[in-house]
Amino acid sequence: MSRTRYRVVPNGGTWQLRREQTPLSNYTYKSDAVEAGRQIAKANQPSQLIIHKADGTIETEYTYGGDPFPPGG
């Protein structure tokens, strides 16, 4: 089963929460976007929350529901 990826990304002076590439909502503060992302990612497992920095690079990632690491085998 594939994971749904949610992202918190900079958006012209604000922060946007996206599901894959689809915008879900906009926030003035990054902390608010991250909290909303955590709630939606936890509610829709298996999922991943990817948080970006203001320059667009990835800051951190959170995985919810059955992390396959280390892989079996």
C-alpha atoms as a PDB file:
ATOM      1  CA  MET A   1       0.000   0.000   0.000  1.00  0.00           C
ATOM      2  CA  SER A   2       1.431   3.363  -0.966  1.00  0.00           C
ATOM      3  CA  ARG A   3       1.678   6.278   1.418  1.00  0.00           C
ATOM      4  CA  THR A   4      -0.077   9.575   0.918  1.00  0.00           C
ATOM      5  CA  ARG A   5       2.469  12.378   1.095  1.00  0.00           C
ATOM      6  CA  TYR A   6       1.554  15.656   2.732  1.00  0.00           C
ATOM      7  CA  ARG A   7       3.886  18.631   2.425  1.00  0.00           C
ATOM      8  CA  VAL A   8       4.329  21.937   4.224  1.00  0.00           C
ATOM      9  CA  VAL A   9       5.871  24.293   1.673  1.00  0.00           C
ATOM     10  CA  PRO A  10       6.655  28.019   1.417  1.00  0.00           C
ATOM     11  CA  ASN A  11       4.123  29.898  -0.676  1.00  0.00           C
ATOM     12  CA  GLY A  12       4.951  33.543  -1.357  1.00  0.00           C
ATOM     13  CA  GLY A  13       5.369  34.687   2.237  1.00  0.00           C
ATOM     14  CA  THR A  14       2.907  32.189   3.708  1.00  0.00           C
ATOM     15  CA  TRP A  15       2.930  28.416   4.217  1.00  0.00           C
ATOM     16  CA  GLN A  16       0.840  25.924   2.324  1.00  0.00           C
ATOM     17  CA  LEU A  17      -0.257  22.415   3.269  1.00  0.00           C
ATOM     18  CA  ARG A  18      -0.507  20.099   0.270  1.00  0.00           C
ATOM     19  CA  ARG A  19      -1.580  16.515  -0.354  1.00  0.00           C
ATOM     20  CA  GLU A  20       0.922  15.336  -2.954  1.00  0.00           C
ATOM     21  CA  GLN A  21       0.774  18.414  -5.247  1.00  0.00           C
ATOM     22  CA  THR A  22      -2.804  19.476  -4.426  1.00  0.00           C
ATOM     23  CA  PRO A  23      -3.083  22.549  -2.153  1.00  0.00           C
ATOM     24  CA  LEU A  24      -5.245  21.939   0.922  1.00  0.00           C
ATOM     25  CA  SER A  25      -4.876  25.138   2.966  1.00  0.00           C
ATOM     26  CA  ASN A  26      -2.710  28.215   3.589  1.00  0.00           C
ATOM     27  CA  TYR A  27      -1.258  29.471   6.875  1.00  0.00           C
ATOM     28  CA  THR A  28       0.469  32.627   8.027  1.00  0.00           C
ATOM     29  CA  TYR A  29       2.745  30.688  10.368  1.00  0.00           C
ATOM     30  CA  LYS A  30       4.777  27.593   9.568  1.00  0.00           C
ATOM     31  CA  SER A  31       4.023  26.111  12.996  1.00  0.00           C
ATOM     32  CA  ASP A  32       0.283  26.199  12.248  1.00  0.00           C
ATOM     33  CA  ALA A  33       0.811  24.486   8.890  1.00  0.00           C
ATOM     34  CA  VAL A  34       2.975  21.795  10.510  1.00  0.00           C
ATOM     35  CA  GLU A  35       0.378  21.112  13.220  1.00  0.00           C
ATOM     36  CA  ALA A  36      -2.404  20.830  10.646  1.00  0.00           C
ATOM     37  CA  GLY A  37      -0.189  18.543   8.561  1.00  0.00           C
ATOM     38  CA  ARG A  38       0.493  16.275  11.532  1.00  0.00           C
ATOM     39  CA  GLN A  39      -3.198  15.972  12.319  1.00  0.00           C
ATOM     40  CA  ILE A  40      -4.216  15.111   8.766  1.00  0.00           C
ATOM     41  CA  ALA A  41      -1.279  12.727   8.220  1.00  0.00           C
ATOM     42  CA  LYS A  42      -2.026  10.850  11.466  1.00  0.00           C
ATOM     43  CA  ALA A  43      -5.711  10.617  10.535  1.00  0.00           C
ATOM     44  CA  ASN A  44      -4.957   9.217   7.059  1.00  0.00           C
ATOM     45  CA  GLN A  45      -2.324   6.528   7.644  1.00  0.00           C
ATOM     46  CA  PRO A  46      -0.233   5.217   6.021  1.00  0.00           C
ATOM     47  CA  SER A  47       1.149   8.647   5.293  1.00  0.00           C
ATOM     48  CA  GLN A  48       4.194  10.854   5.345  1.00  0.00           C
ATOM     49  CA  LEU A  49       4.563  14.508   6.321  1.00  0.00           C
ATOM     50  CA  ILE A  50       7.411  16.330   4.597  1.00  0.00           C
ATOM     51  CA  ILE A  51       8.297  19.750   5.983  1.00  0.00           C
ATOM     52  CA  HIS A  52      10.246  22.160   3.796  1.00  0.00           C
ATOM     53  CA  LYS A  53      12.410  25.134   4.760  1.00  0.00           C
ATOM     54  CA  ALA A  54      11.764  28.649   3.433  1.00  0.00           C
ATOM     55  CA  ASP A  55      14.259  27.984   0.613  1.00  0.00           C
ATOM     56  CA  GLY A  56      12.253  24.938  -0.507  1.00  0.00           C
ATOM     57  CA  THR A  57      14.701  22.254   0.646  1.00  0.00           C
ATOM     58  CA  ILE A  58      13.466  19.448   2.893  1.00  0.00           C
ATOM     59  CA  GLU A  59      13.853  20.138   6.607  1.00  0.00           C
ATOM     60  CA  THR A  60      12.420  16.913   8.052  1.00  0.00           C
ATOM     61  CA  GLU A  61      10.048  14.041   7.365  1.00  0.00           C
ATOM     62  CA  TYR A  62       7.627  12.108   9.555  1.00  0.00           C
ATOM     63  CA  THR A  63       6.165   8.712   8.690  1.00  0.00           C
ATOM     64  CA  TYR A  64       2.867   7.525  10.155  1.00  0.00           C
ATOM     65  CA  GLY A  65       1.628   3.950  10.077  1.00  0.00           C
ATOM     66  CA  GLY A  66       3.797   0.878   9.541  1.00  0.00           C
ATOM     67  CA  ASP A  67       7.217   2.259   8.656  1.00  0.00           C
ATOM     68  CA  PRO A  68       8.872  -0.468   6.537  1.00  0.00           C
ATOM     69  CA  PHE A  69      12.391   0.356   7.790  1.00  0.00           C
ATOM     70  CA  PRO A  70      14.349  -1.740   8.263  1.00  0.00           C
ATOM     71  CA  PRO A  71      13.015  -3.636   5.288  1.00  0.00           C
ATOM     72  CA  GLY A  72      12.388  -7.352   5.771  1.00  0.00           C
ATOM     73  CA  GLY A  73      14.485  -9.914   4.020  1.00  0.00           C
END
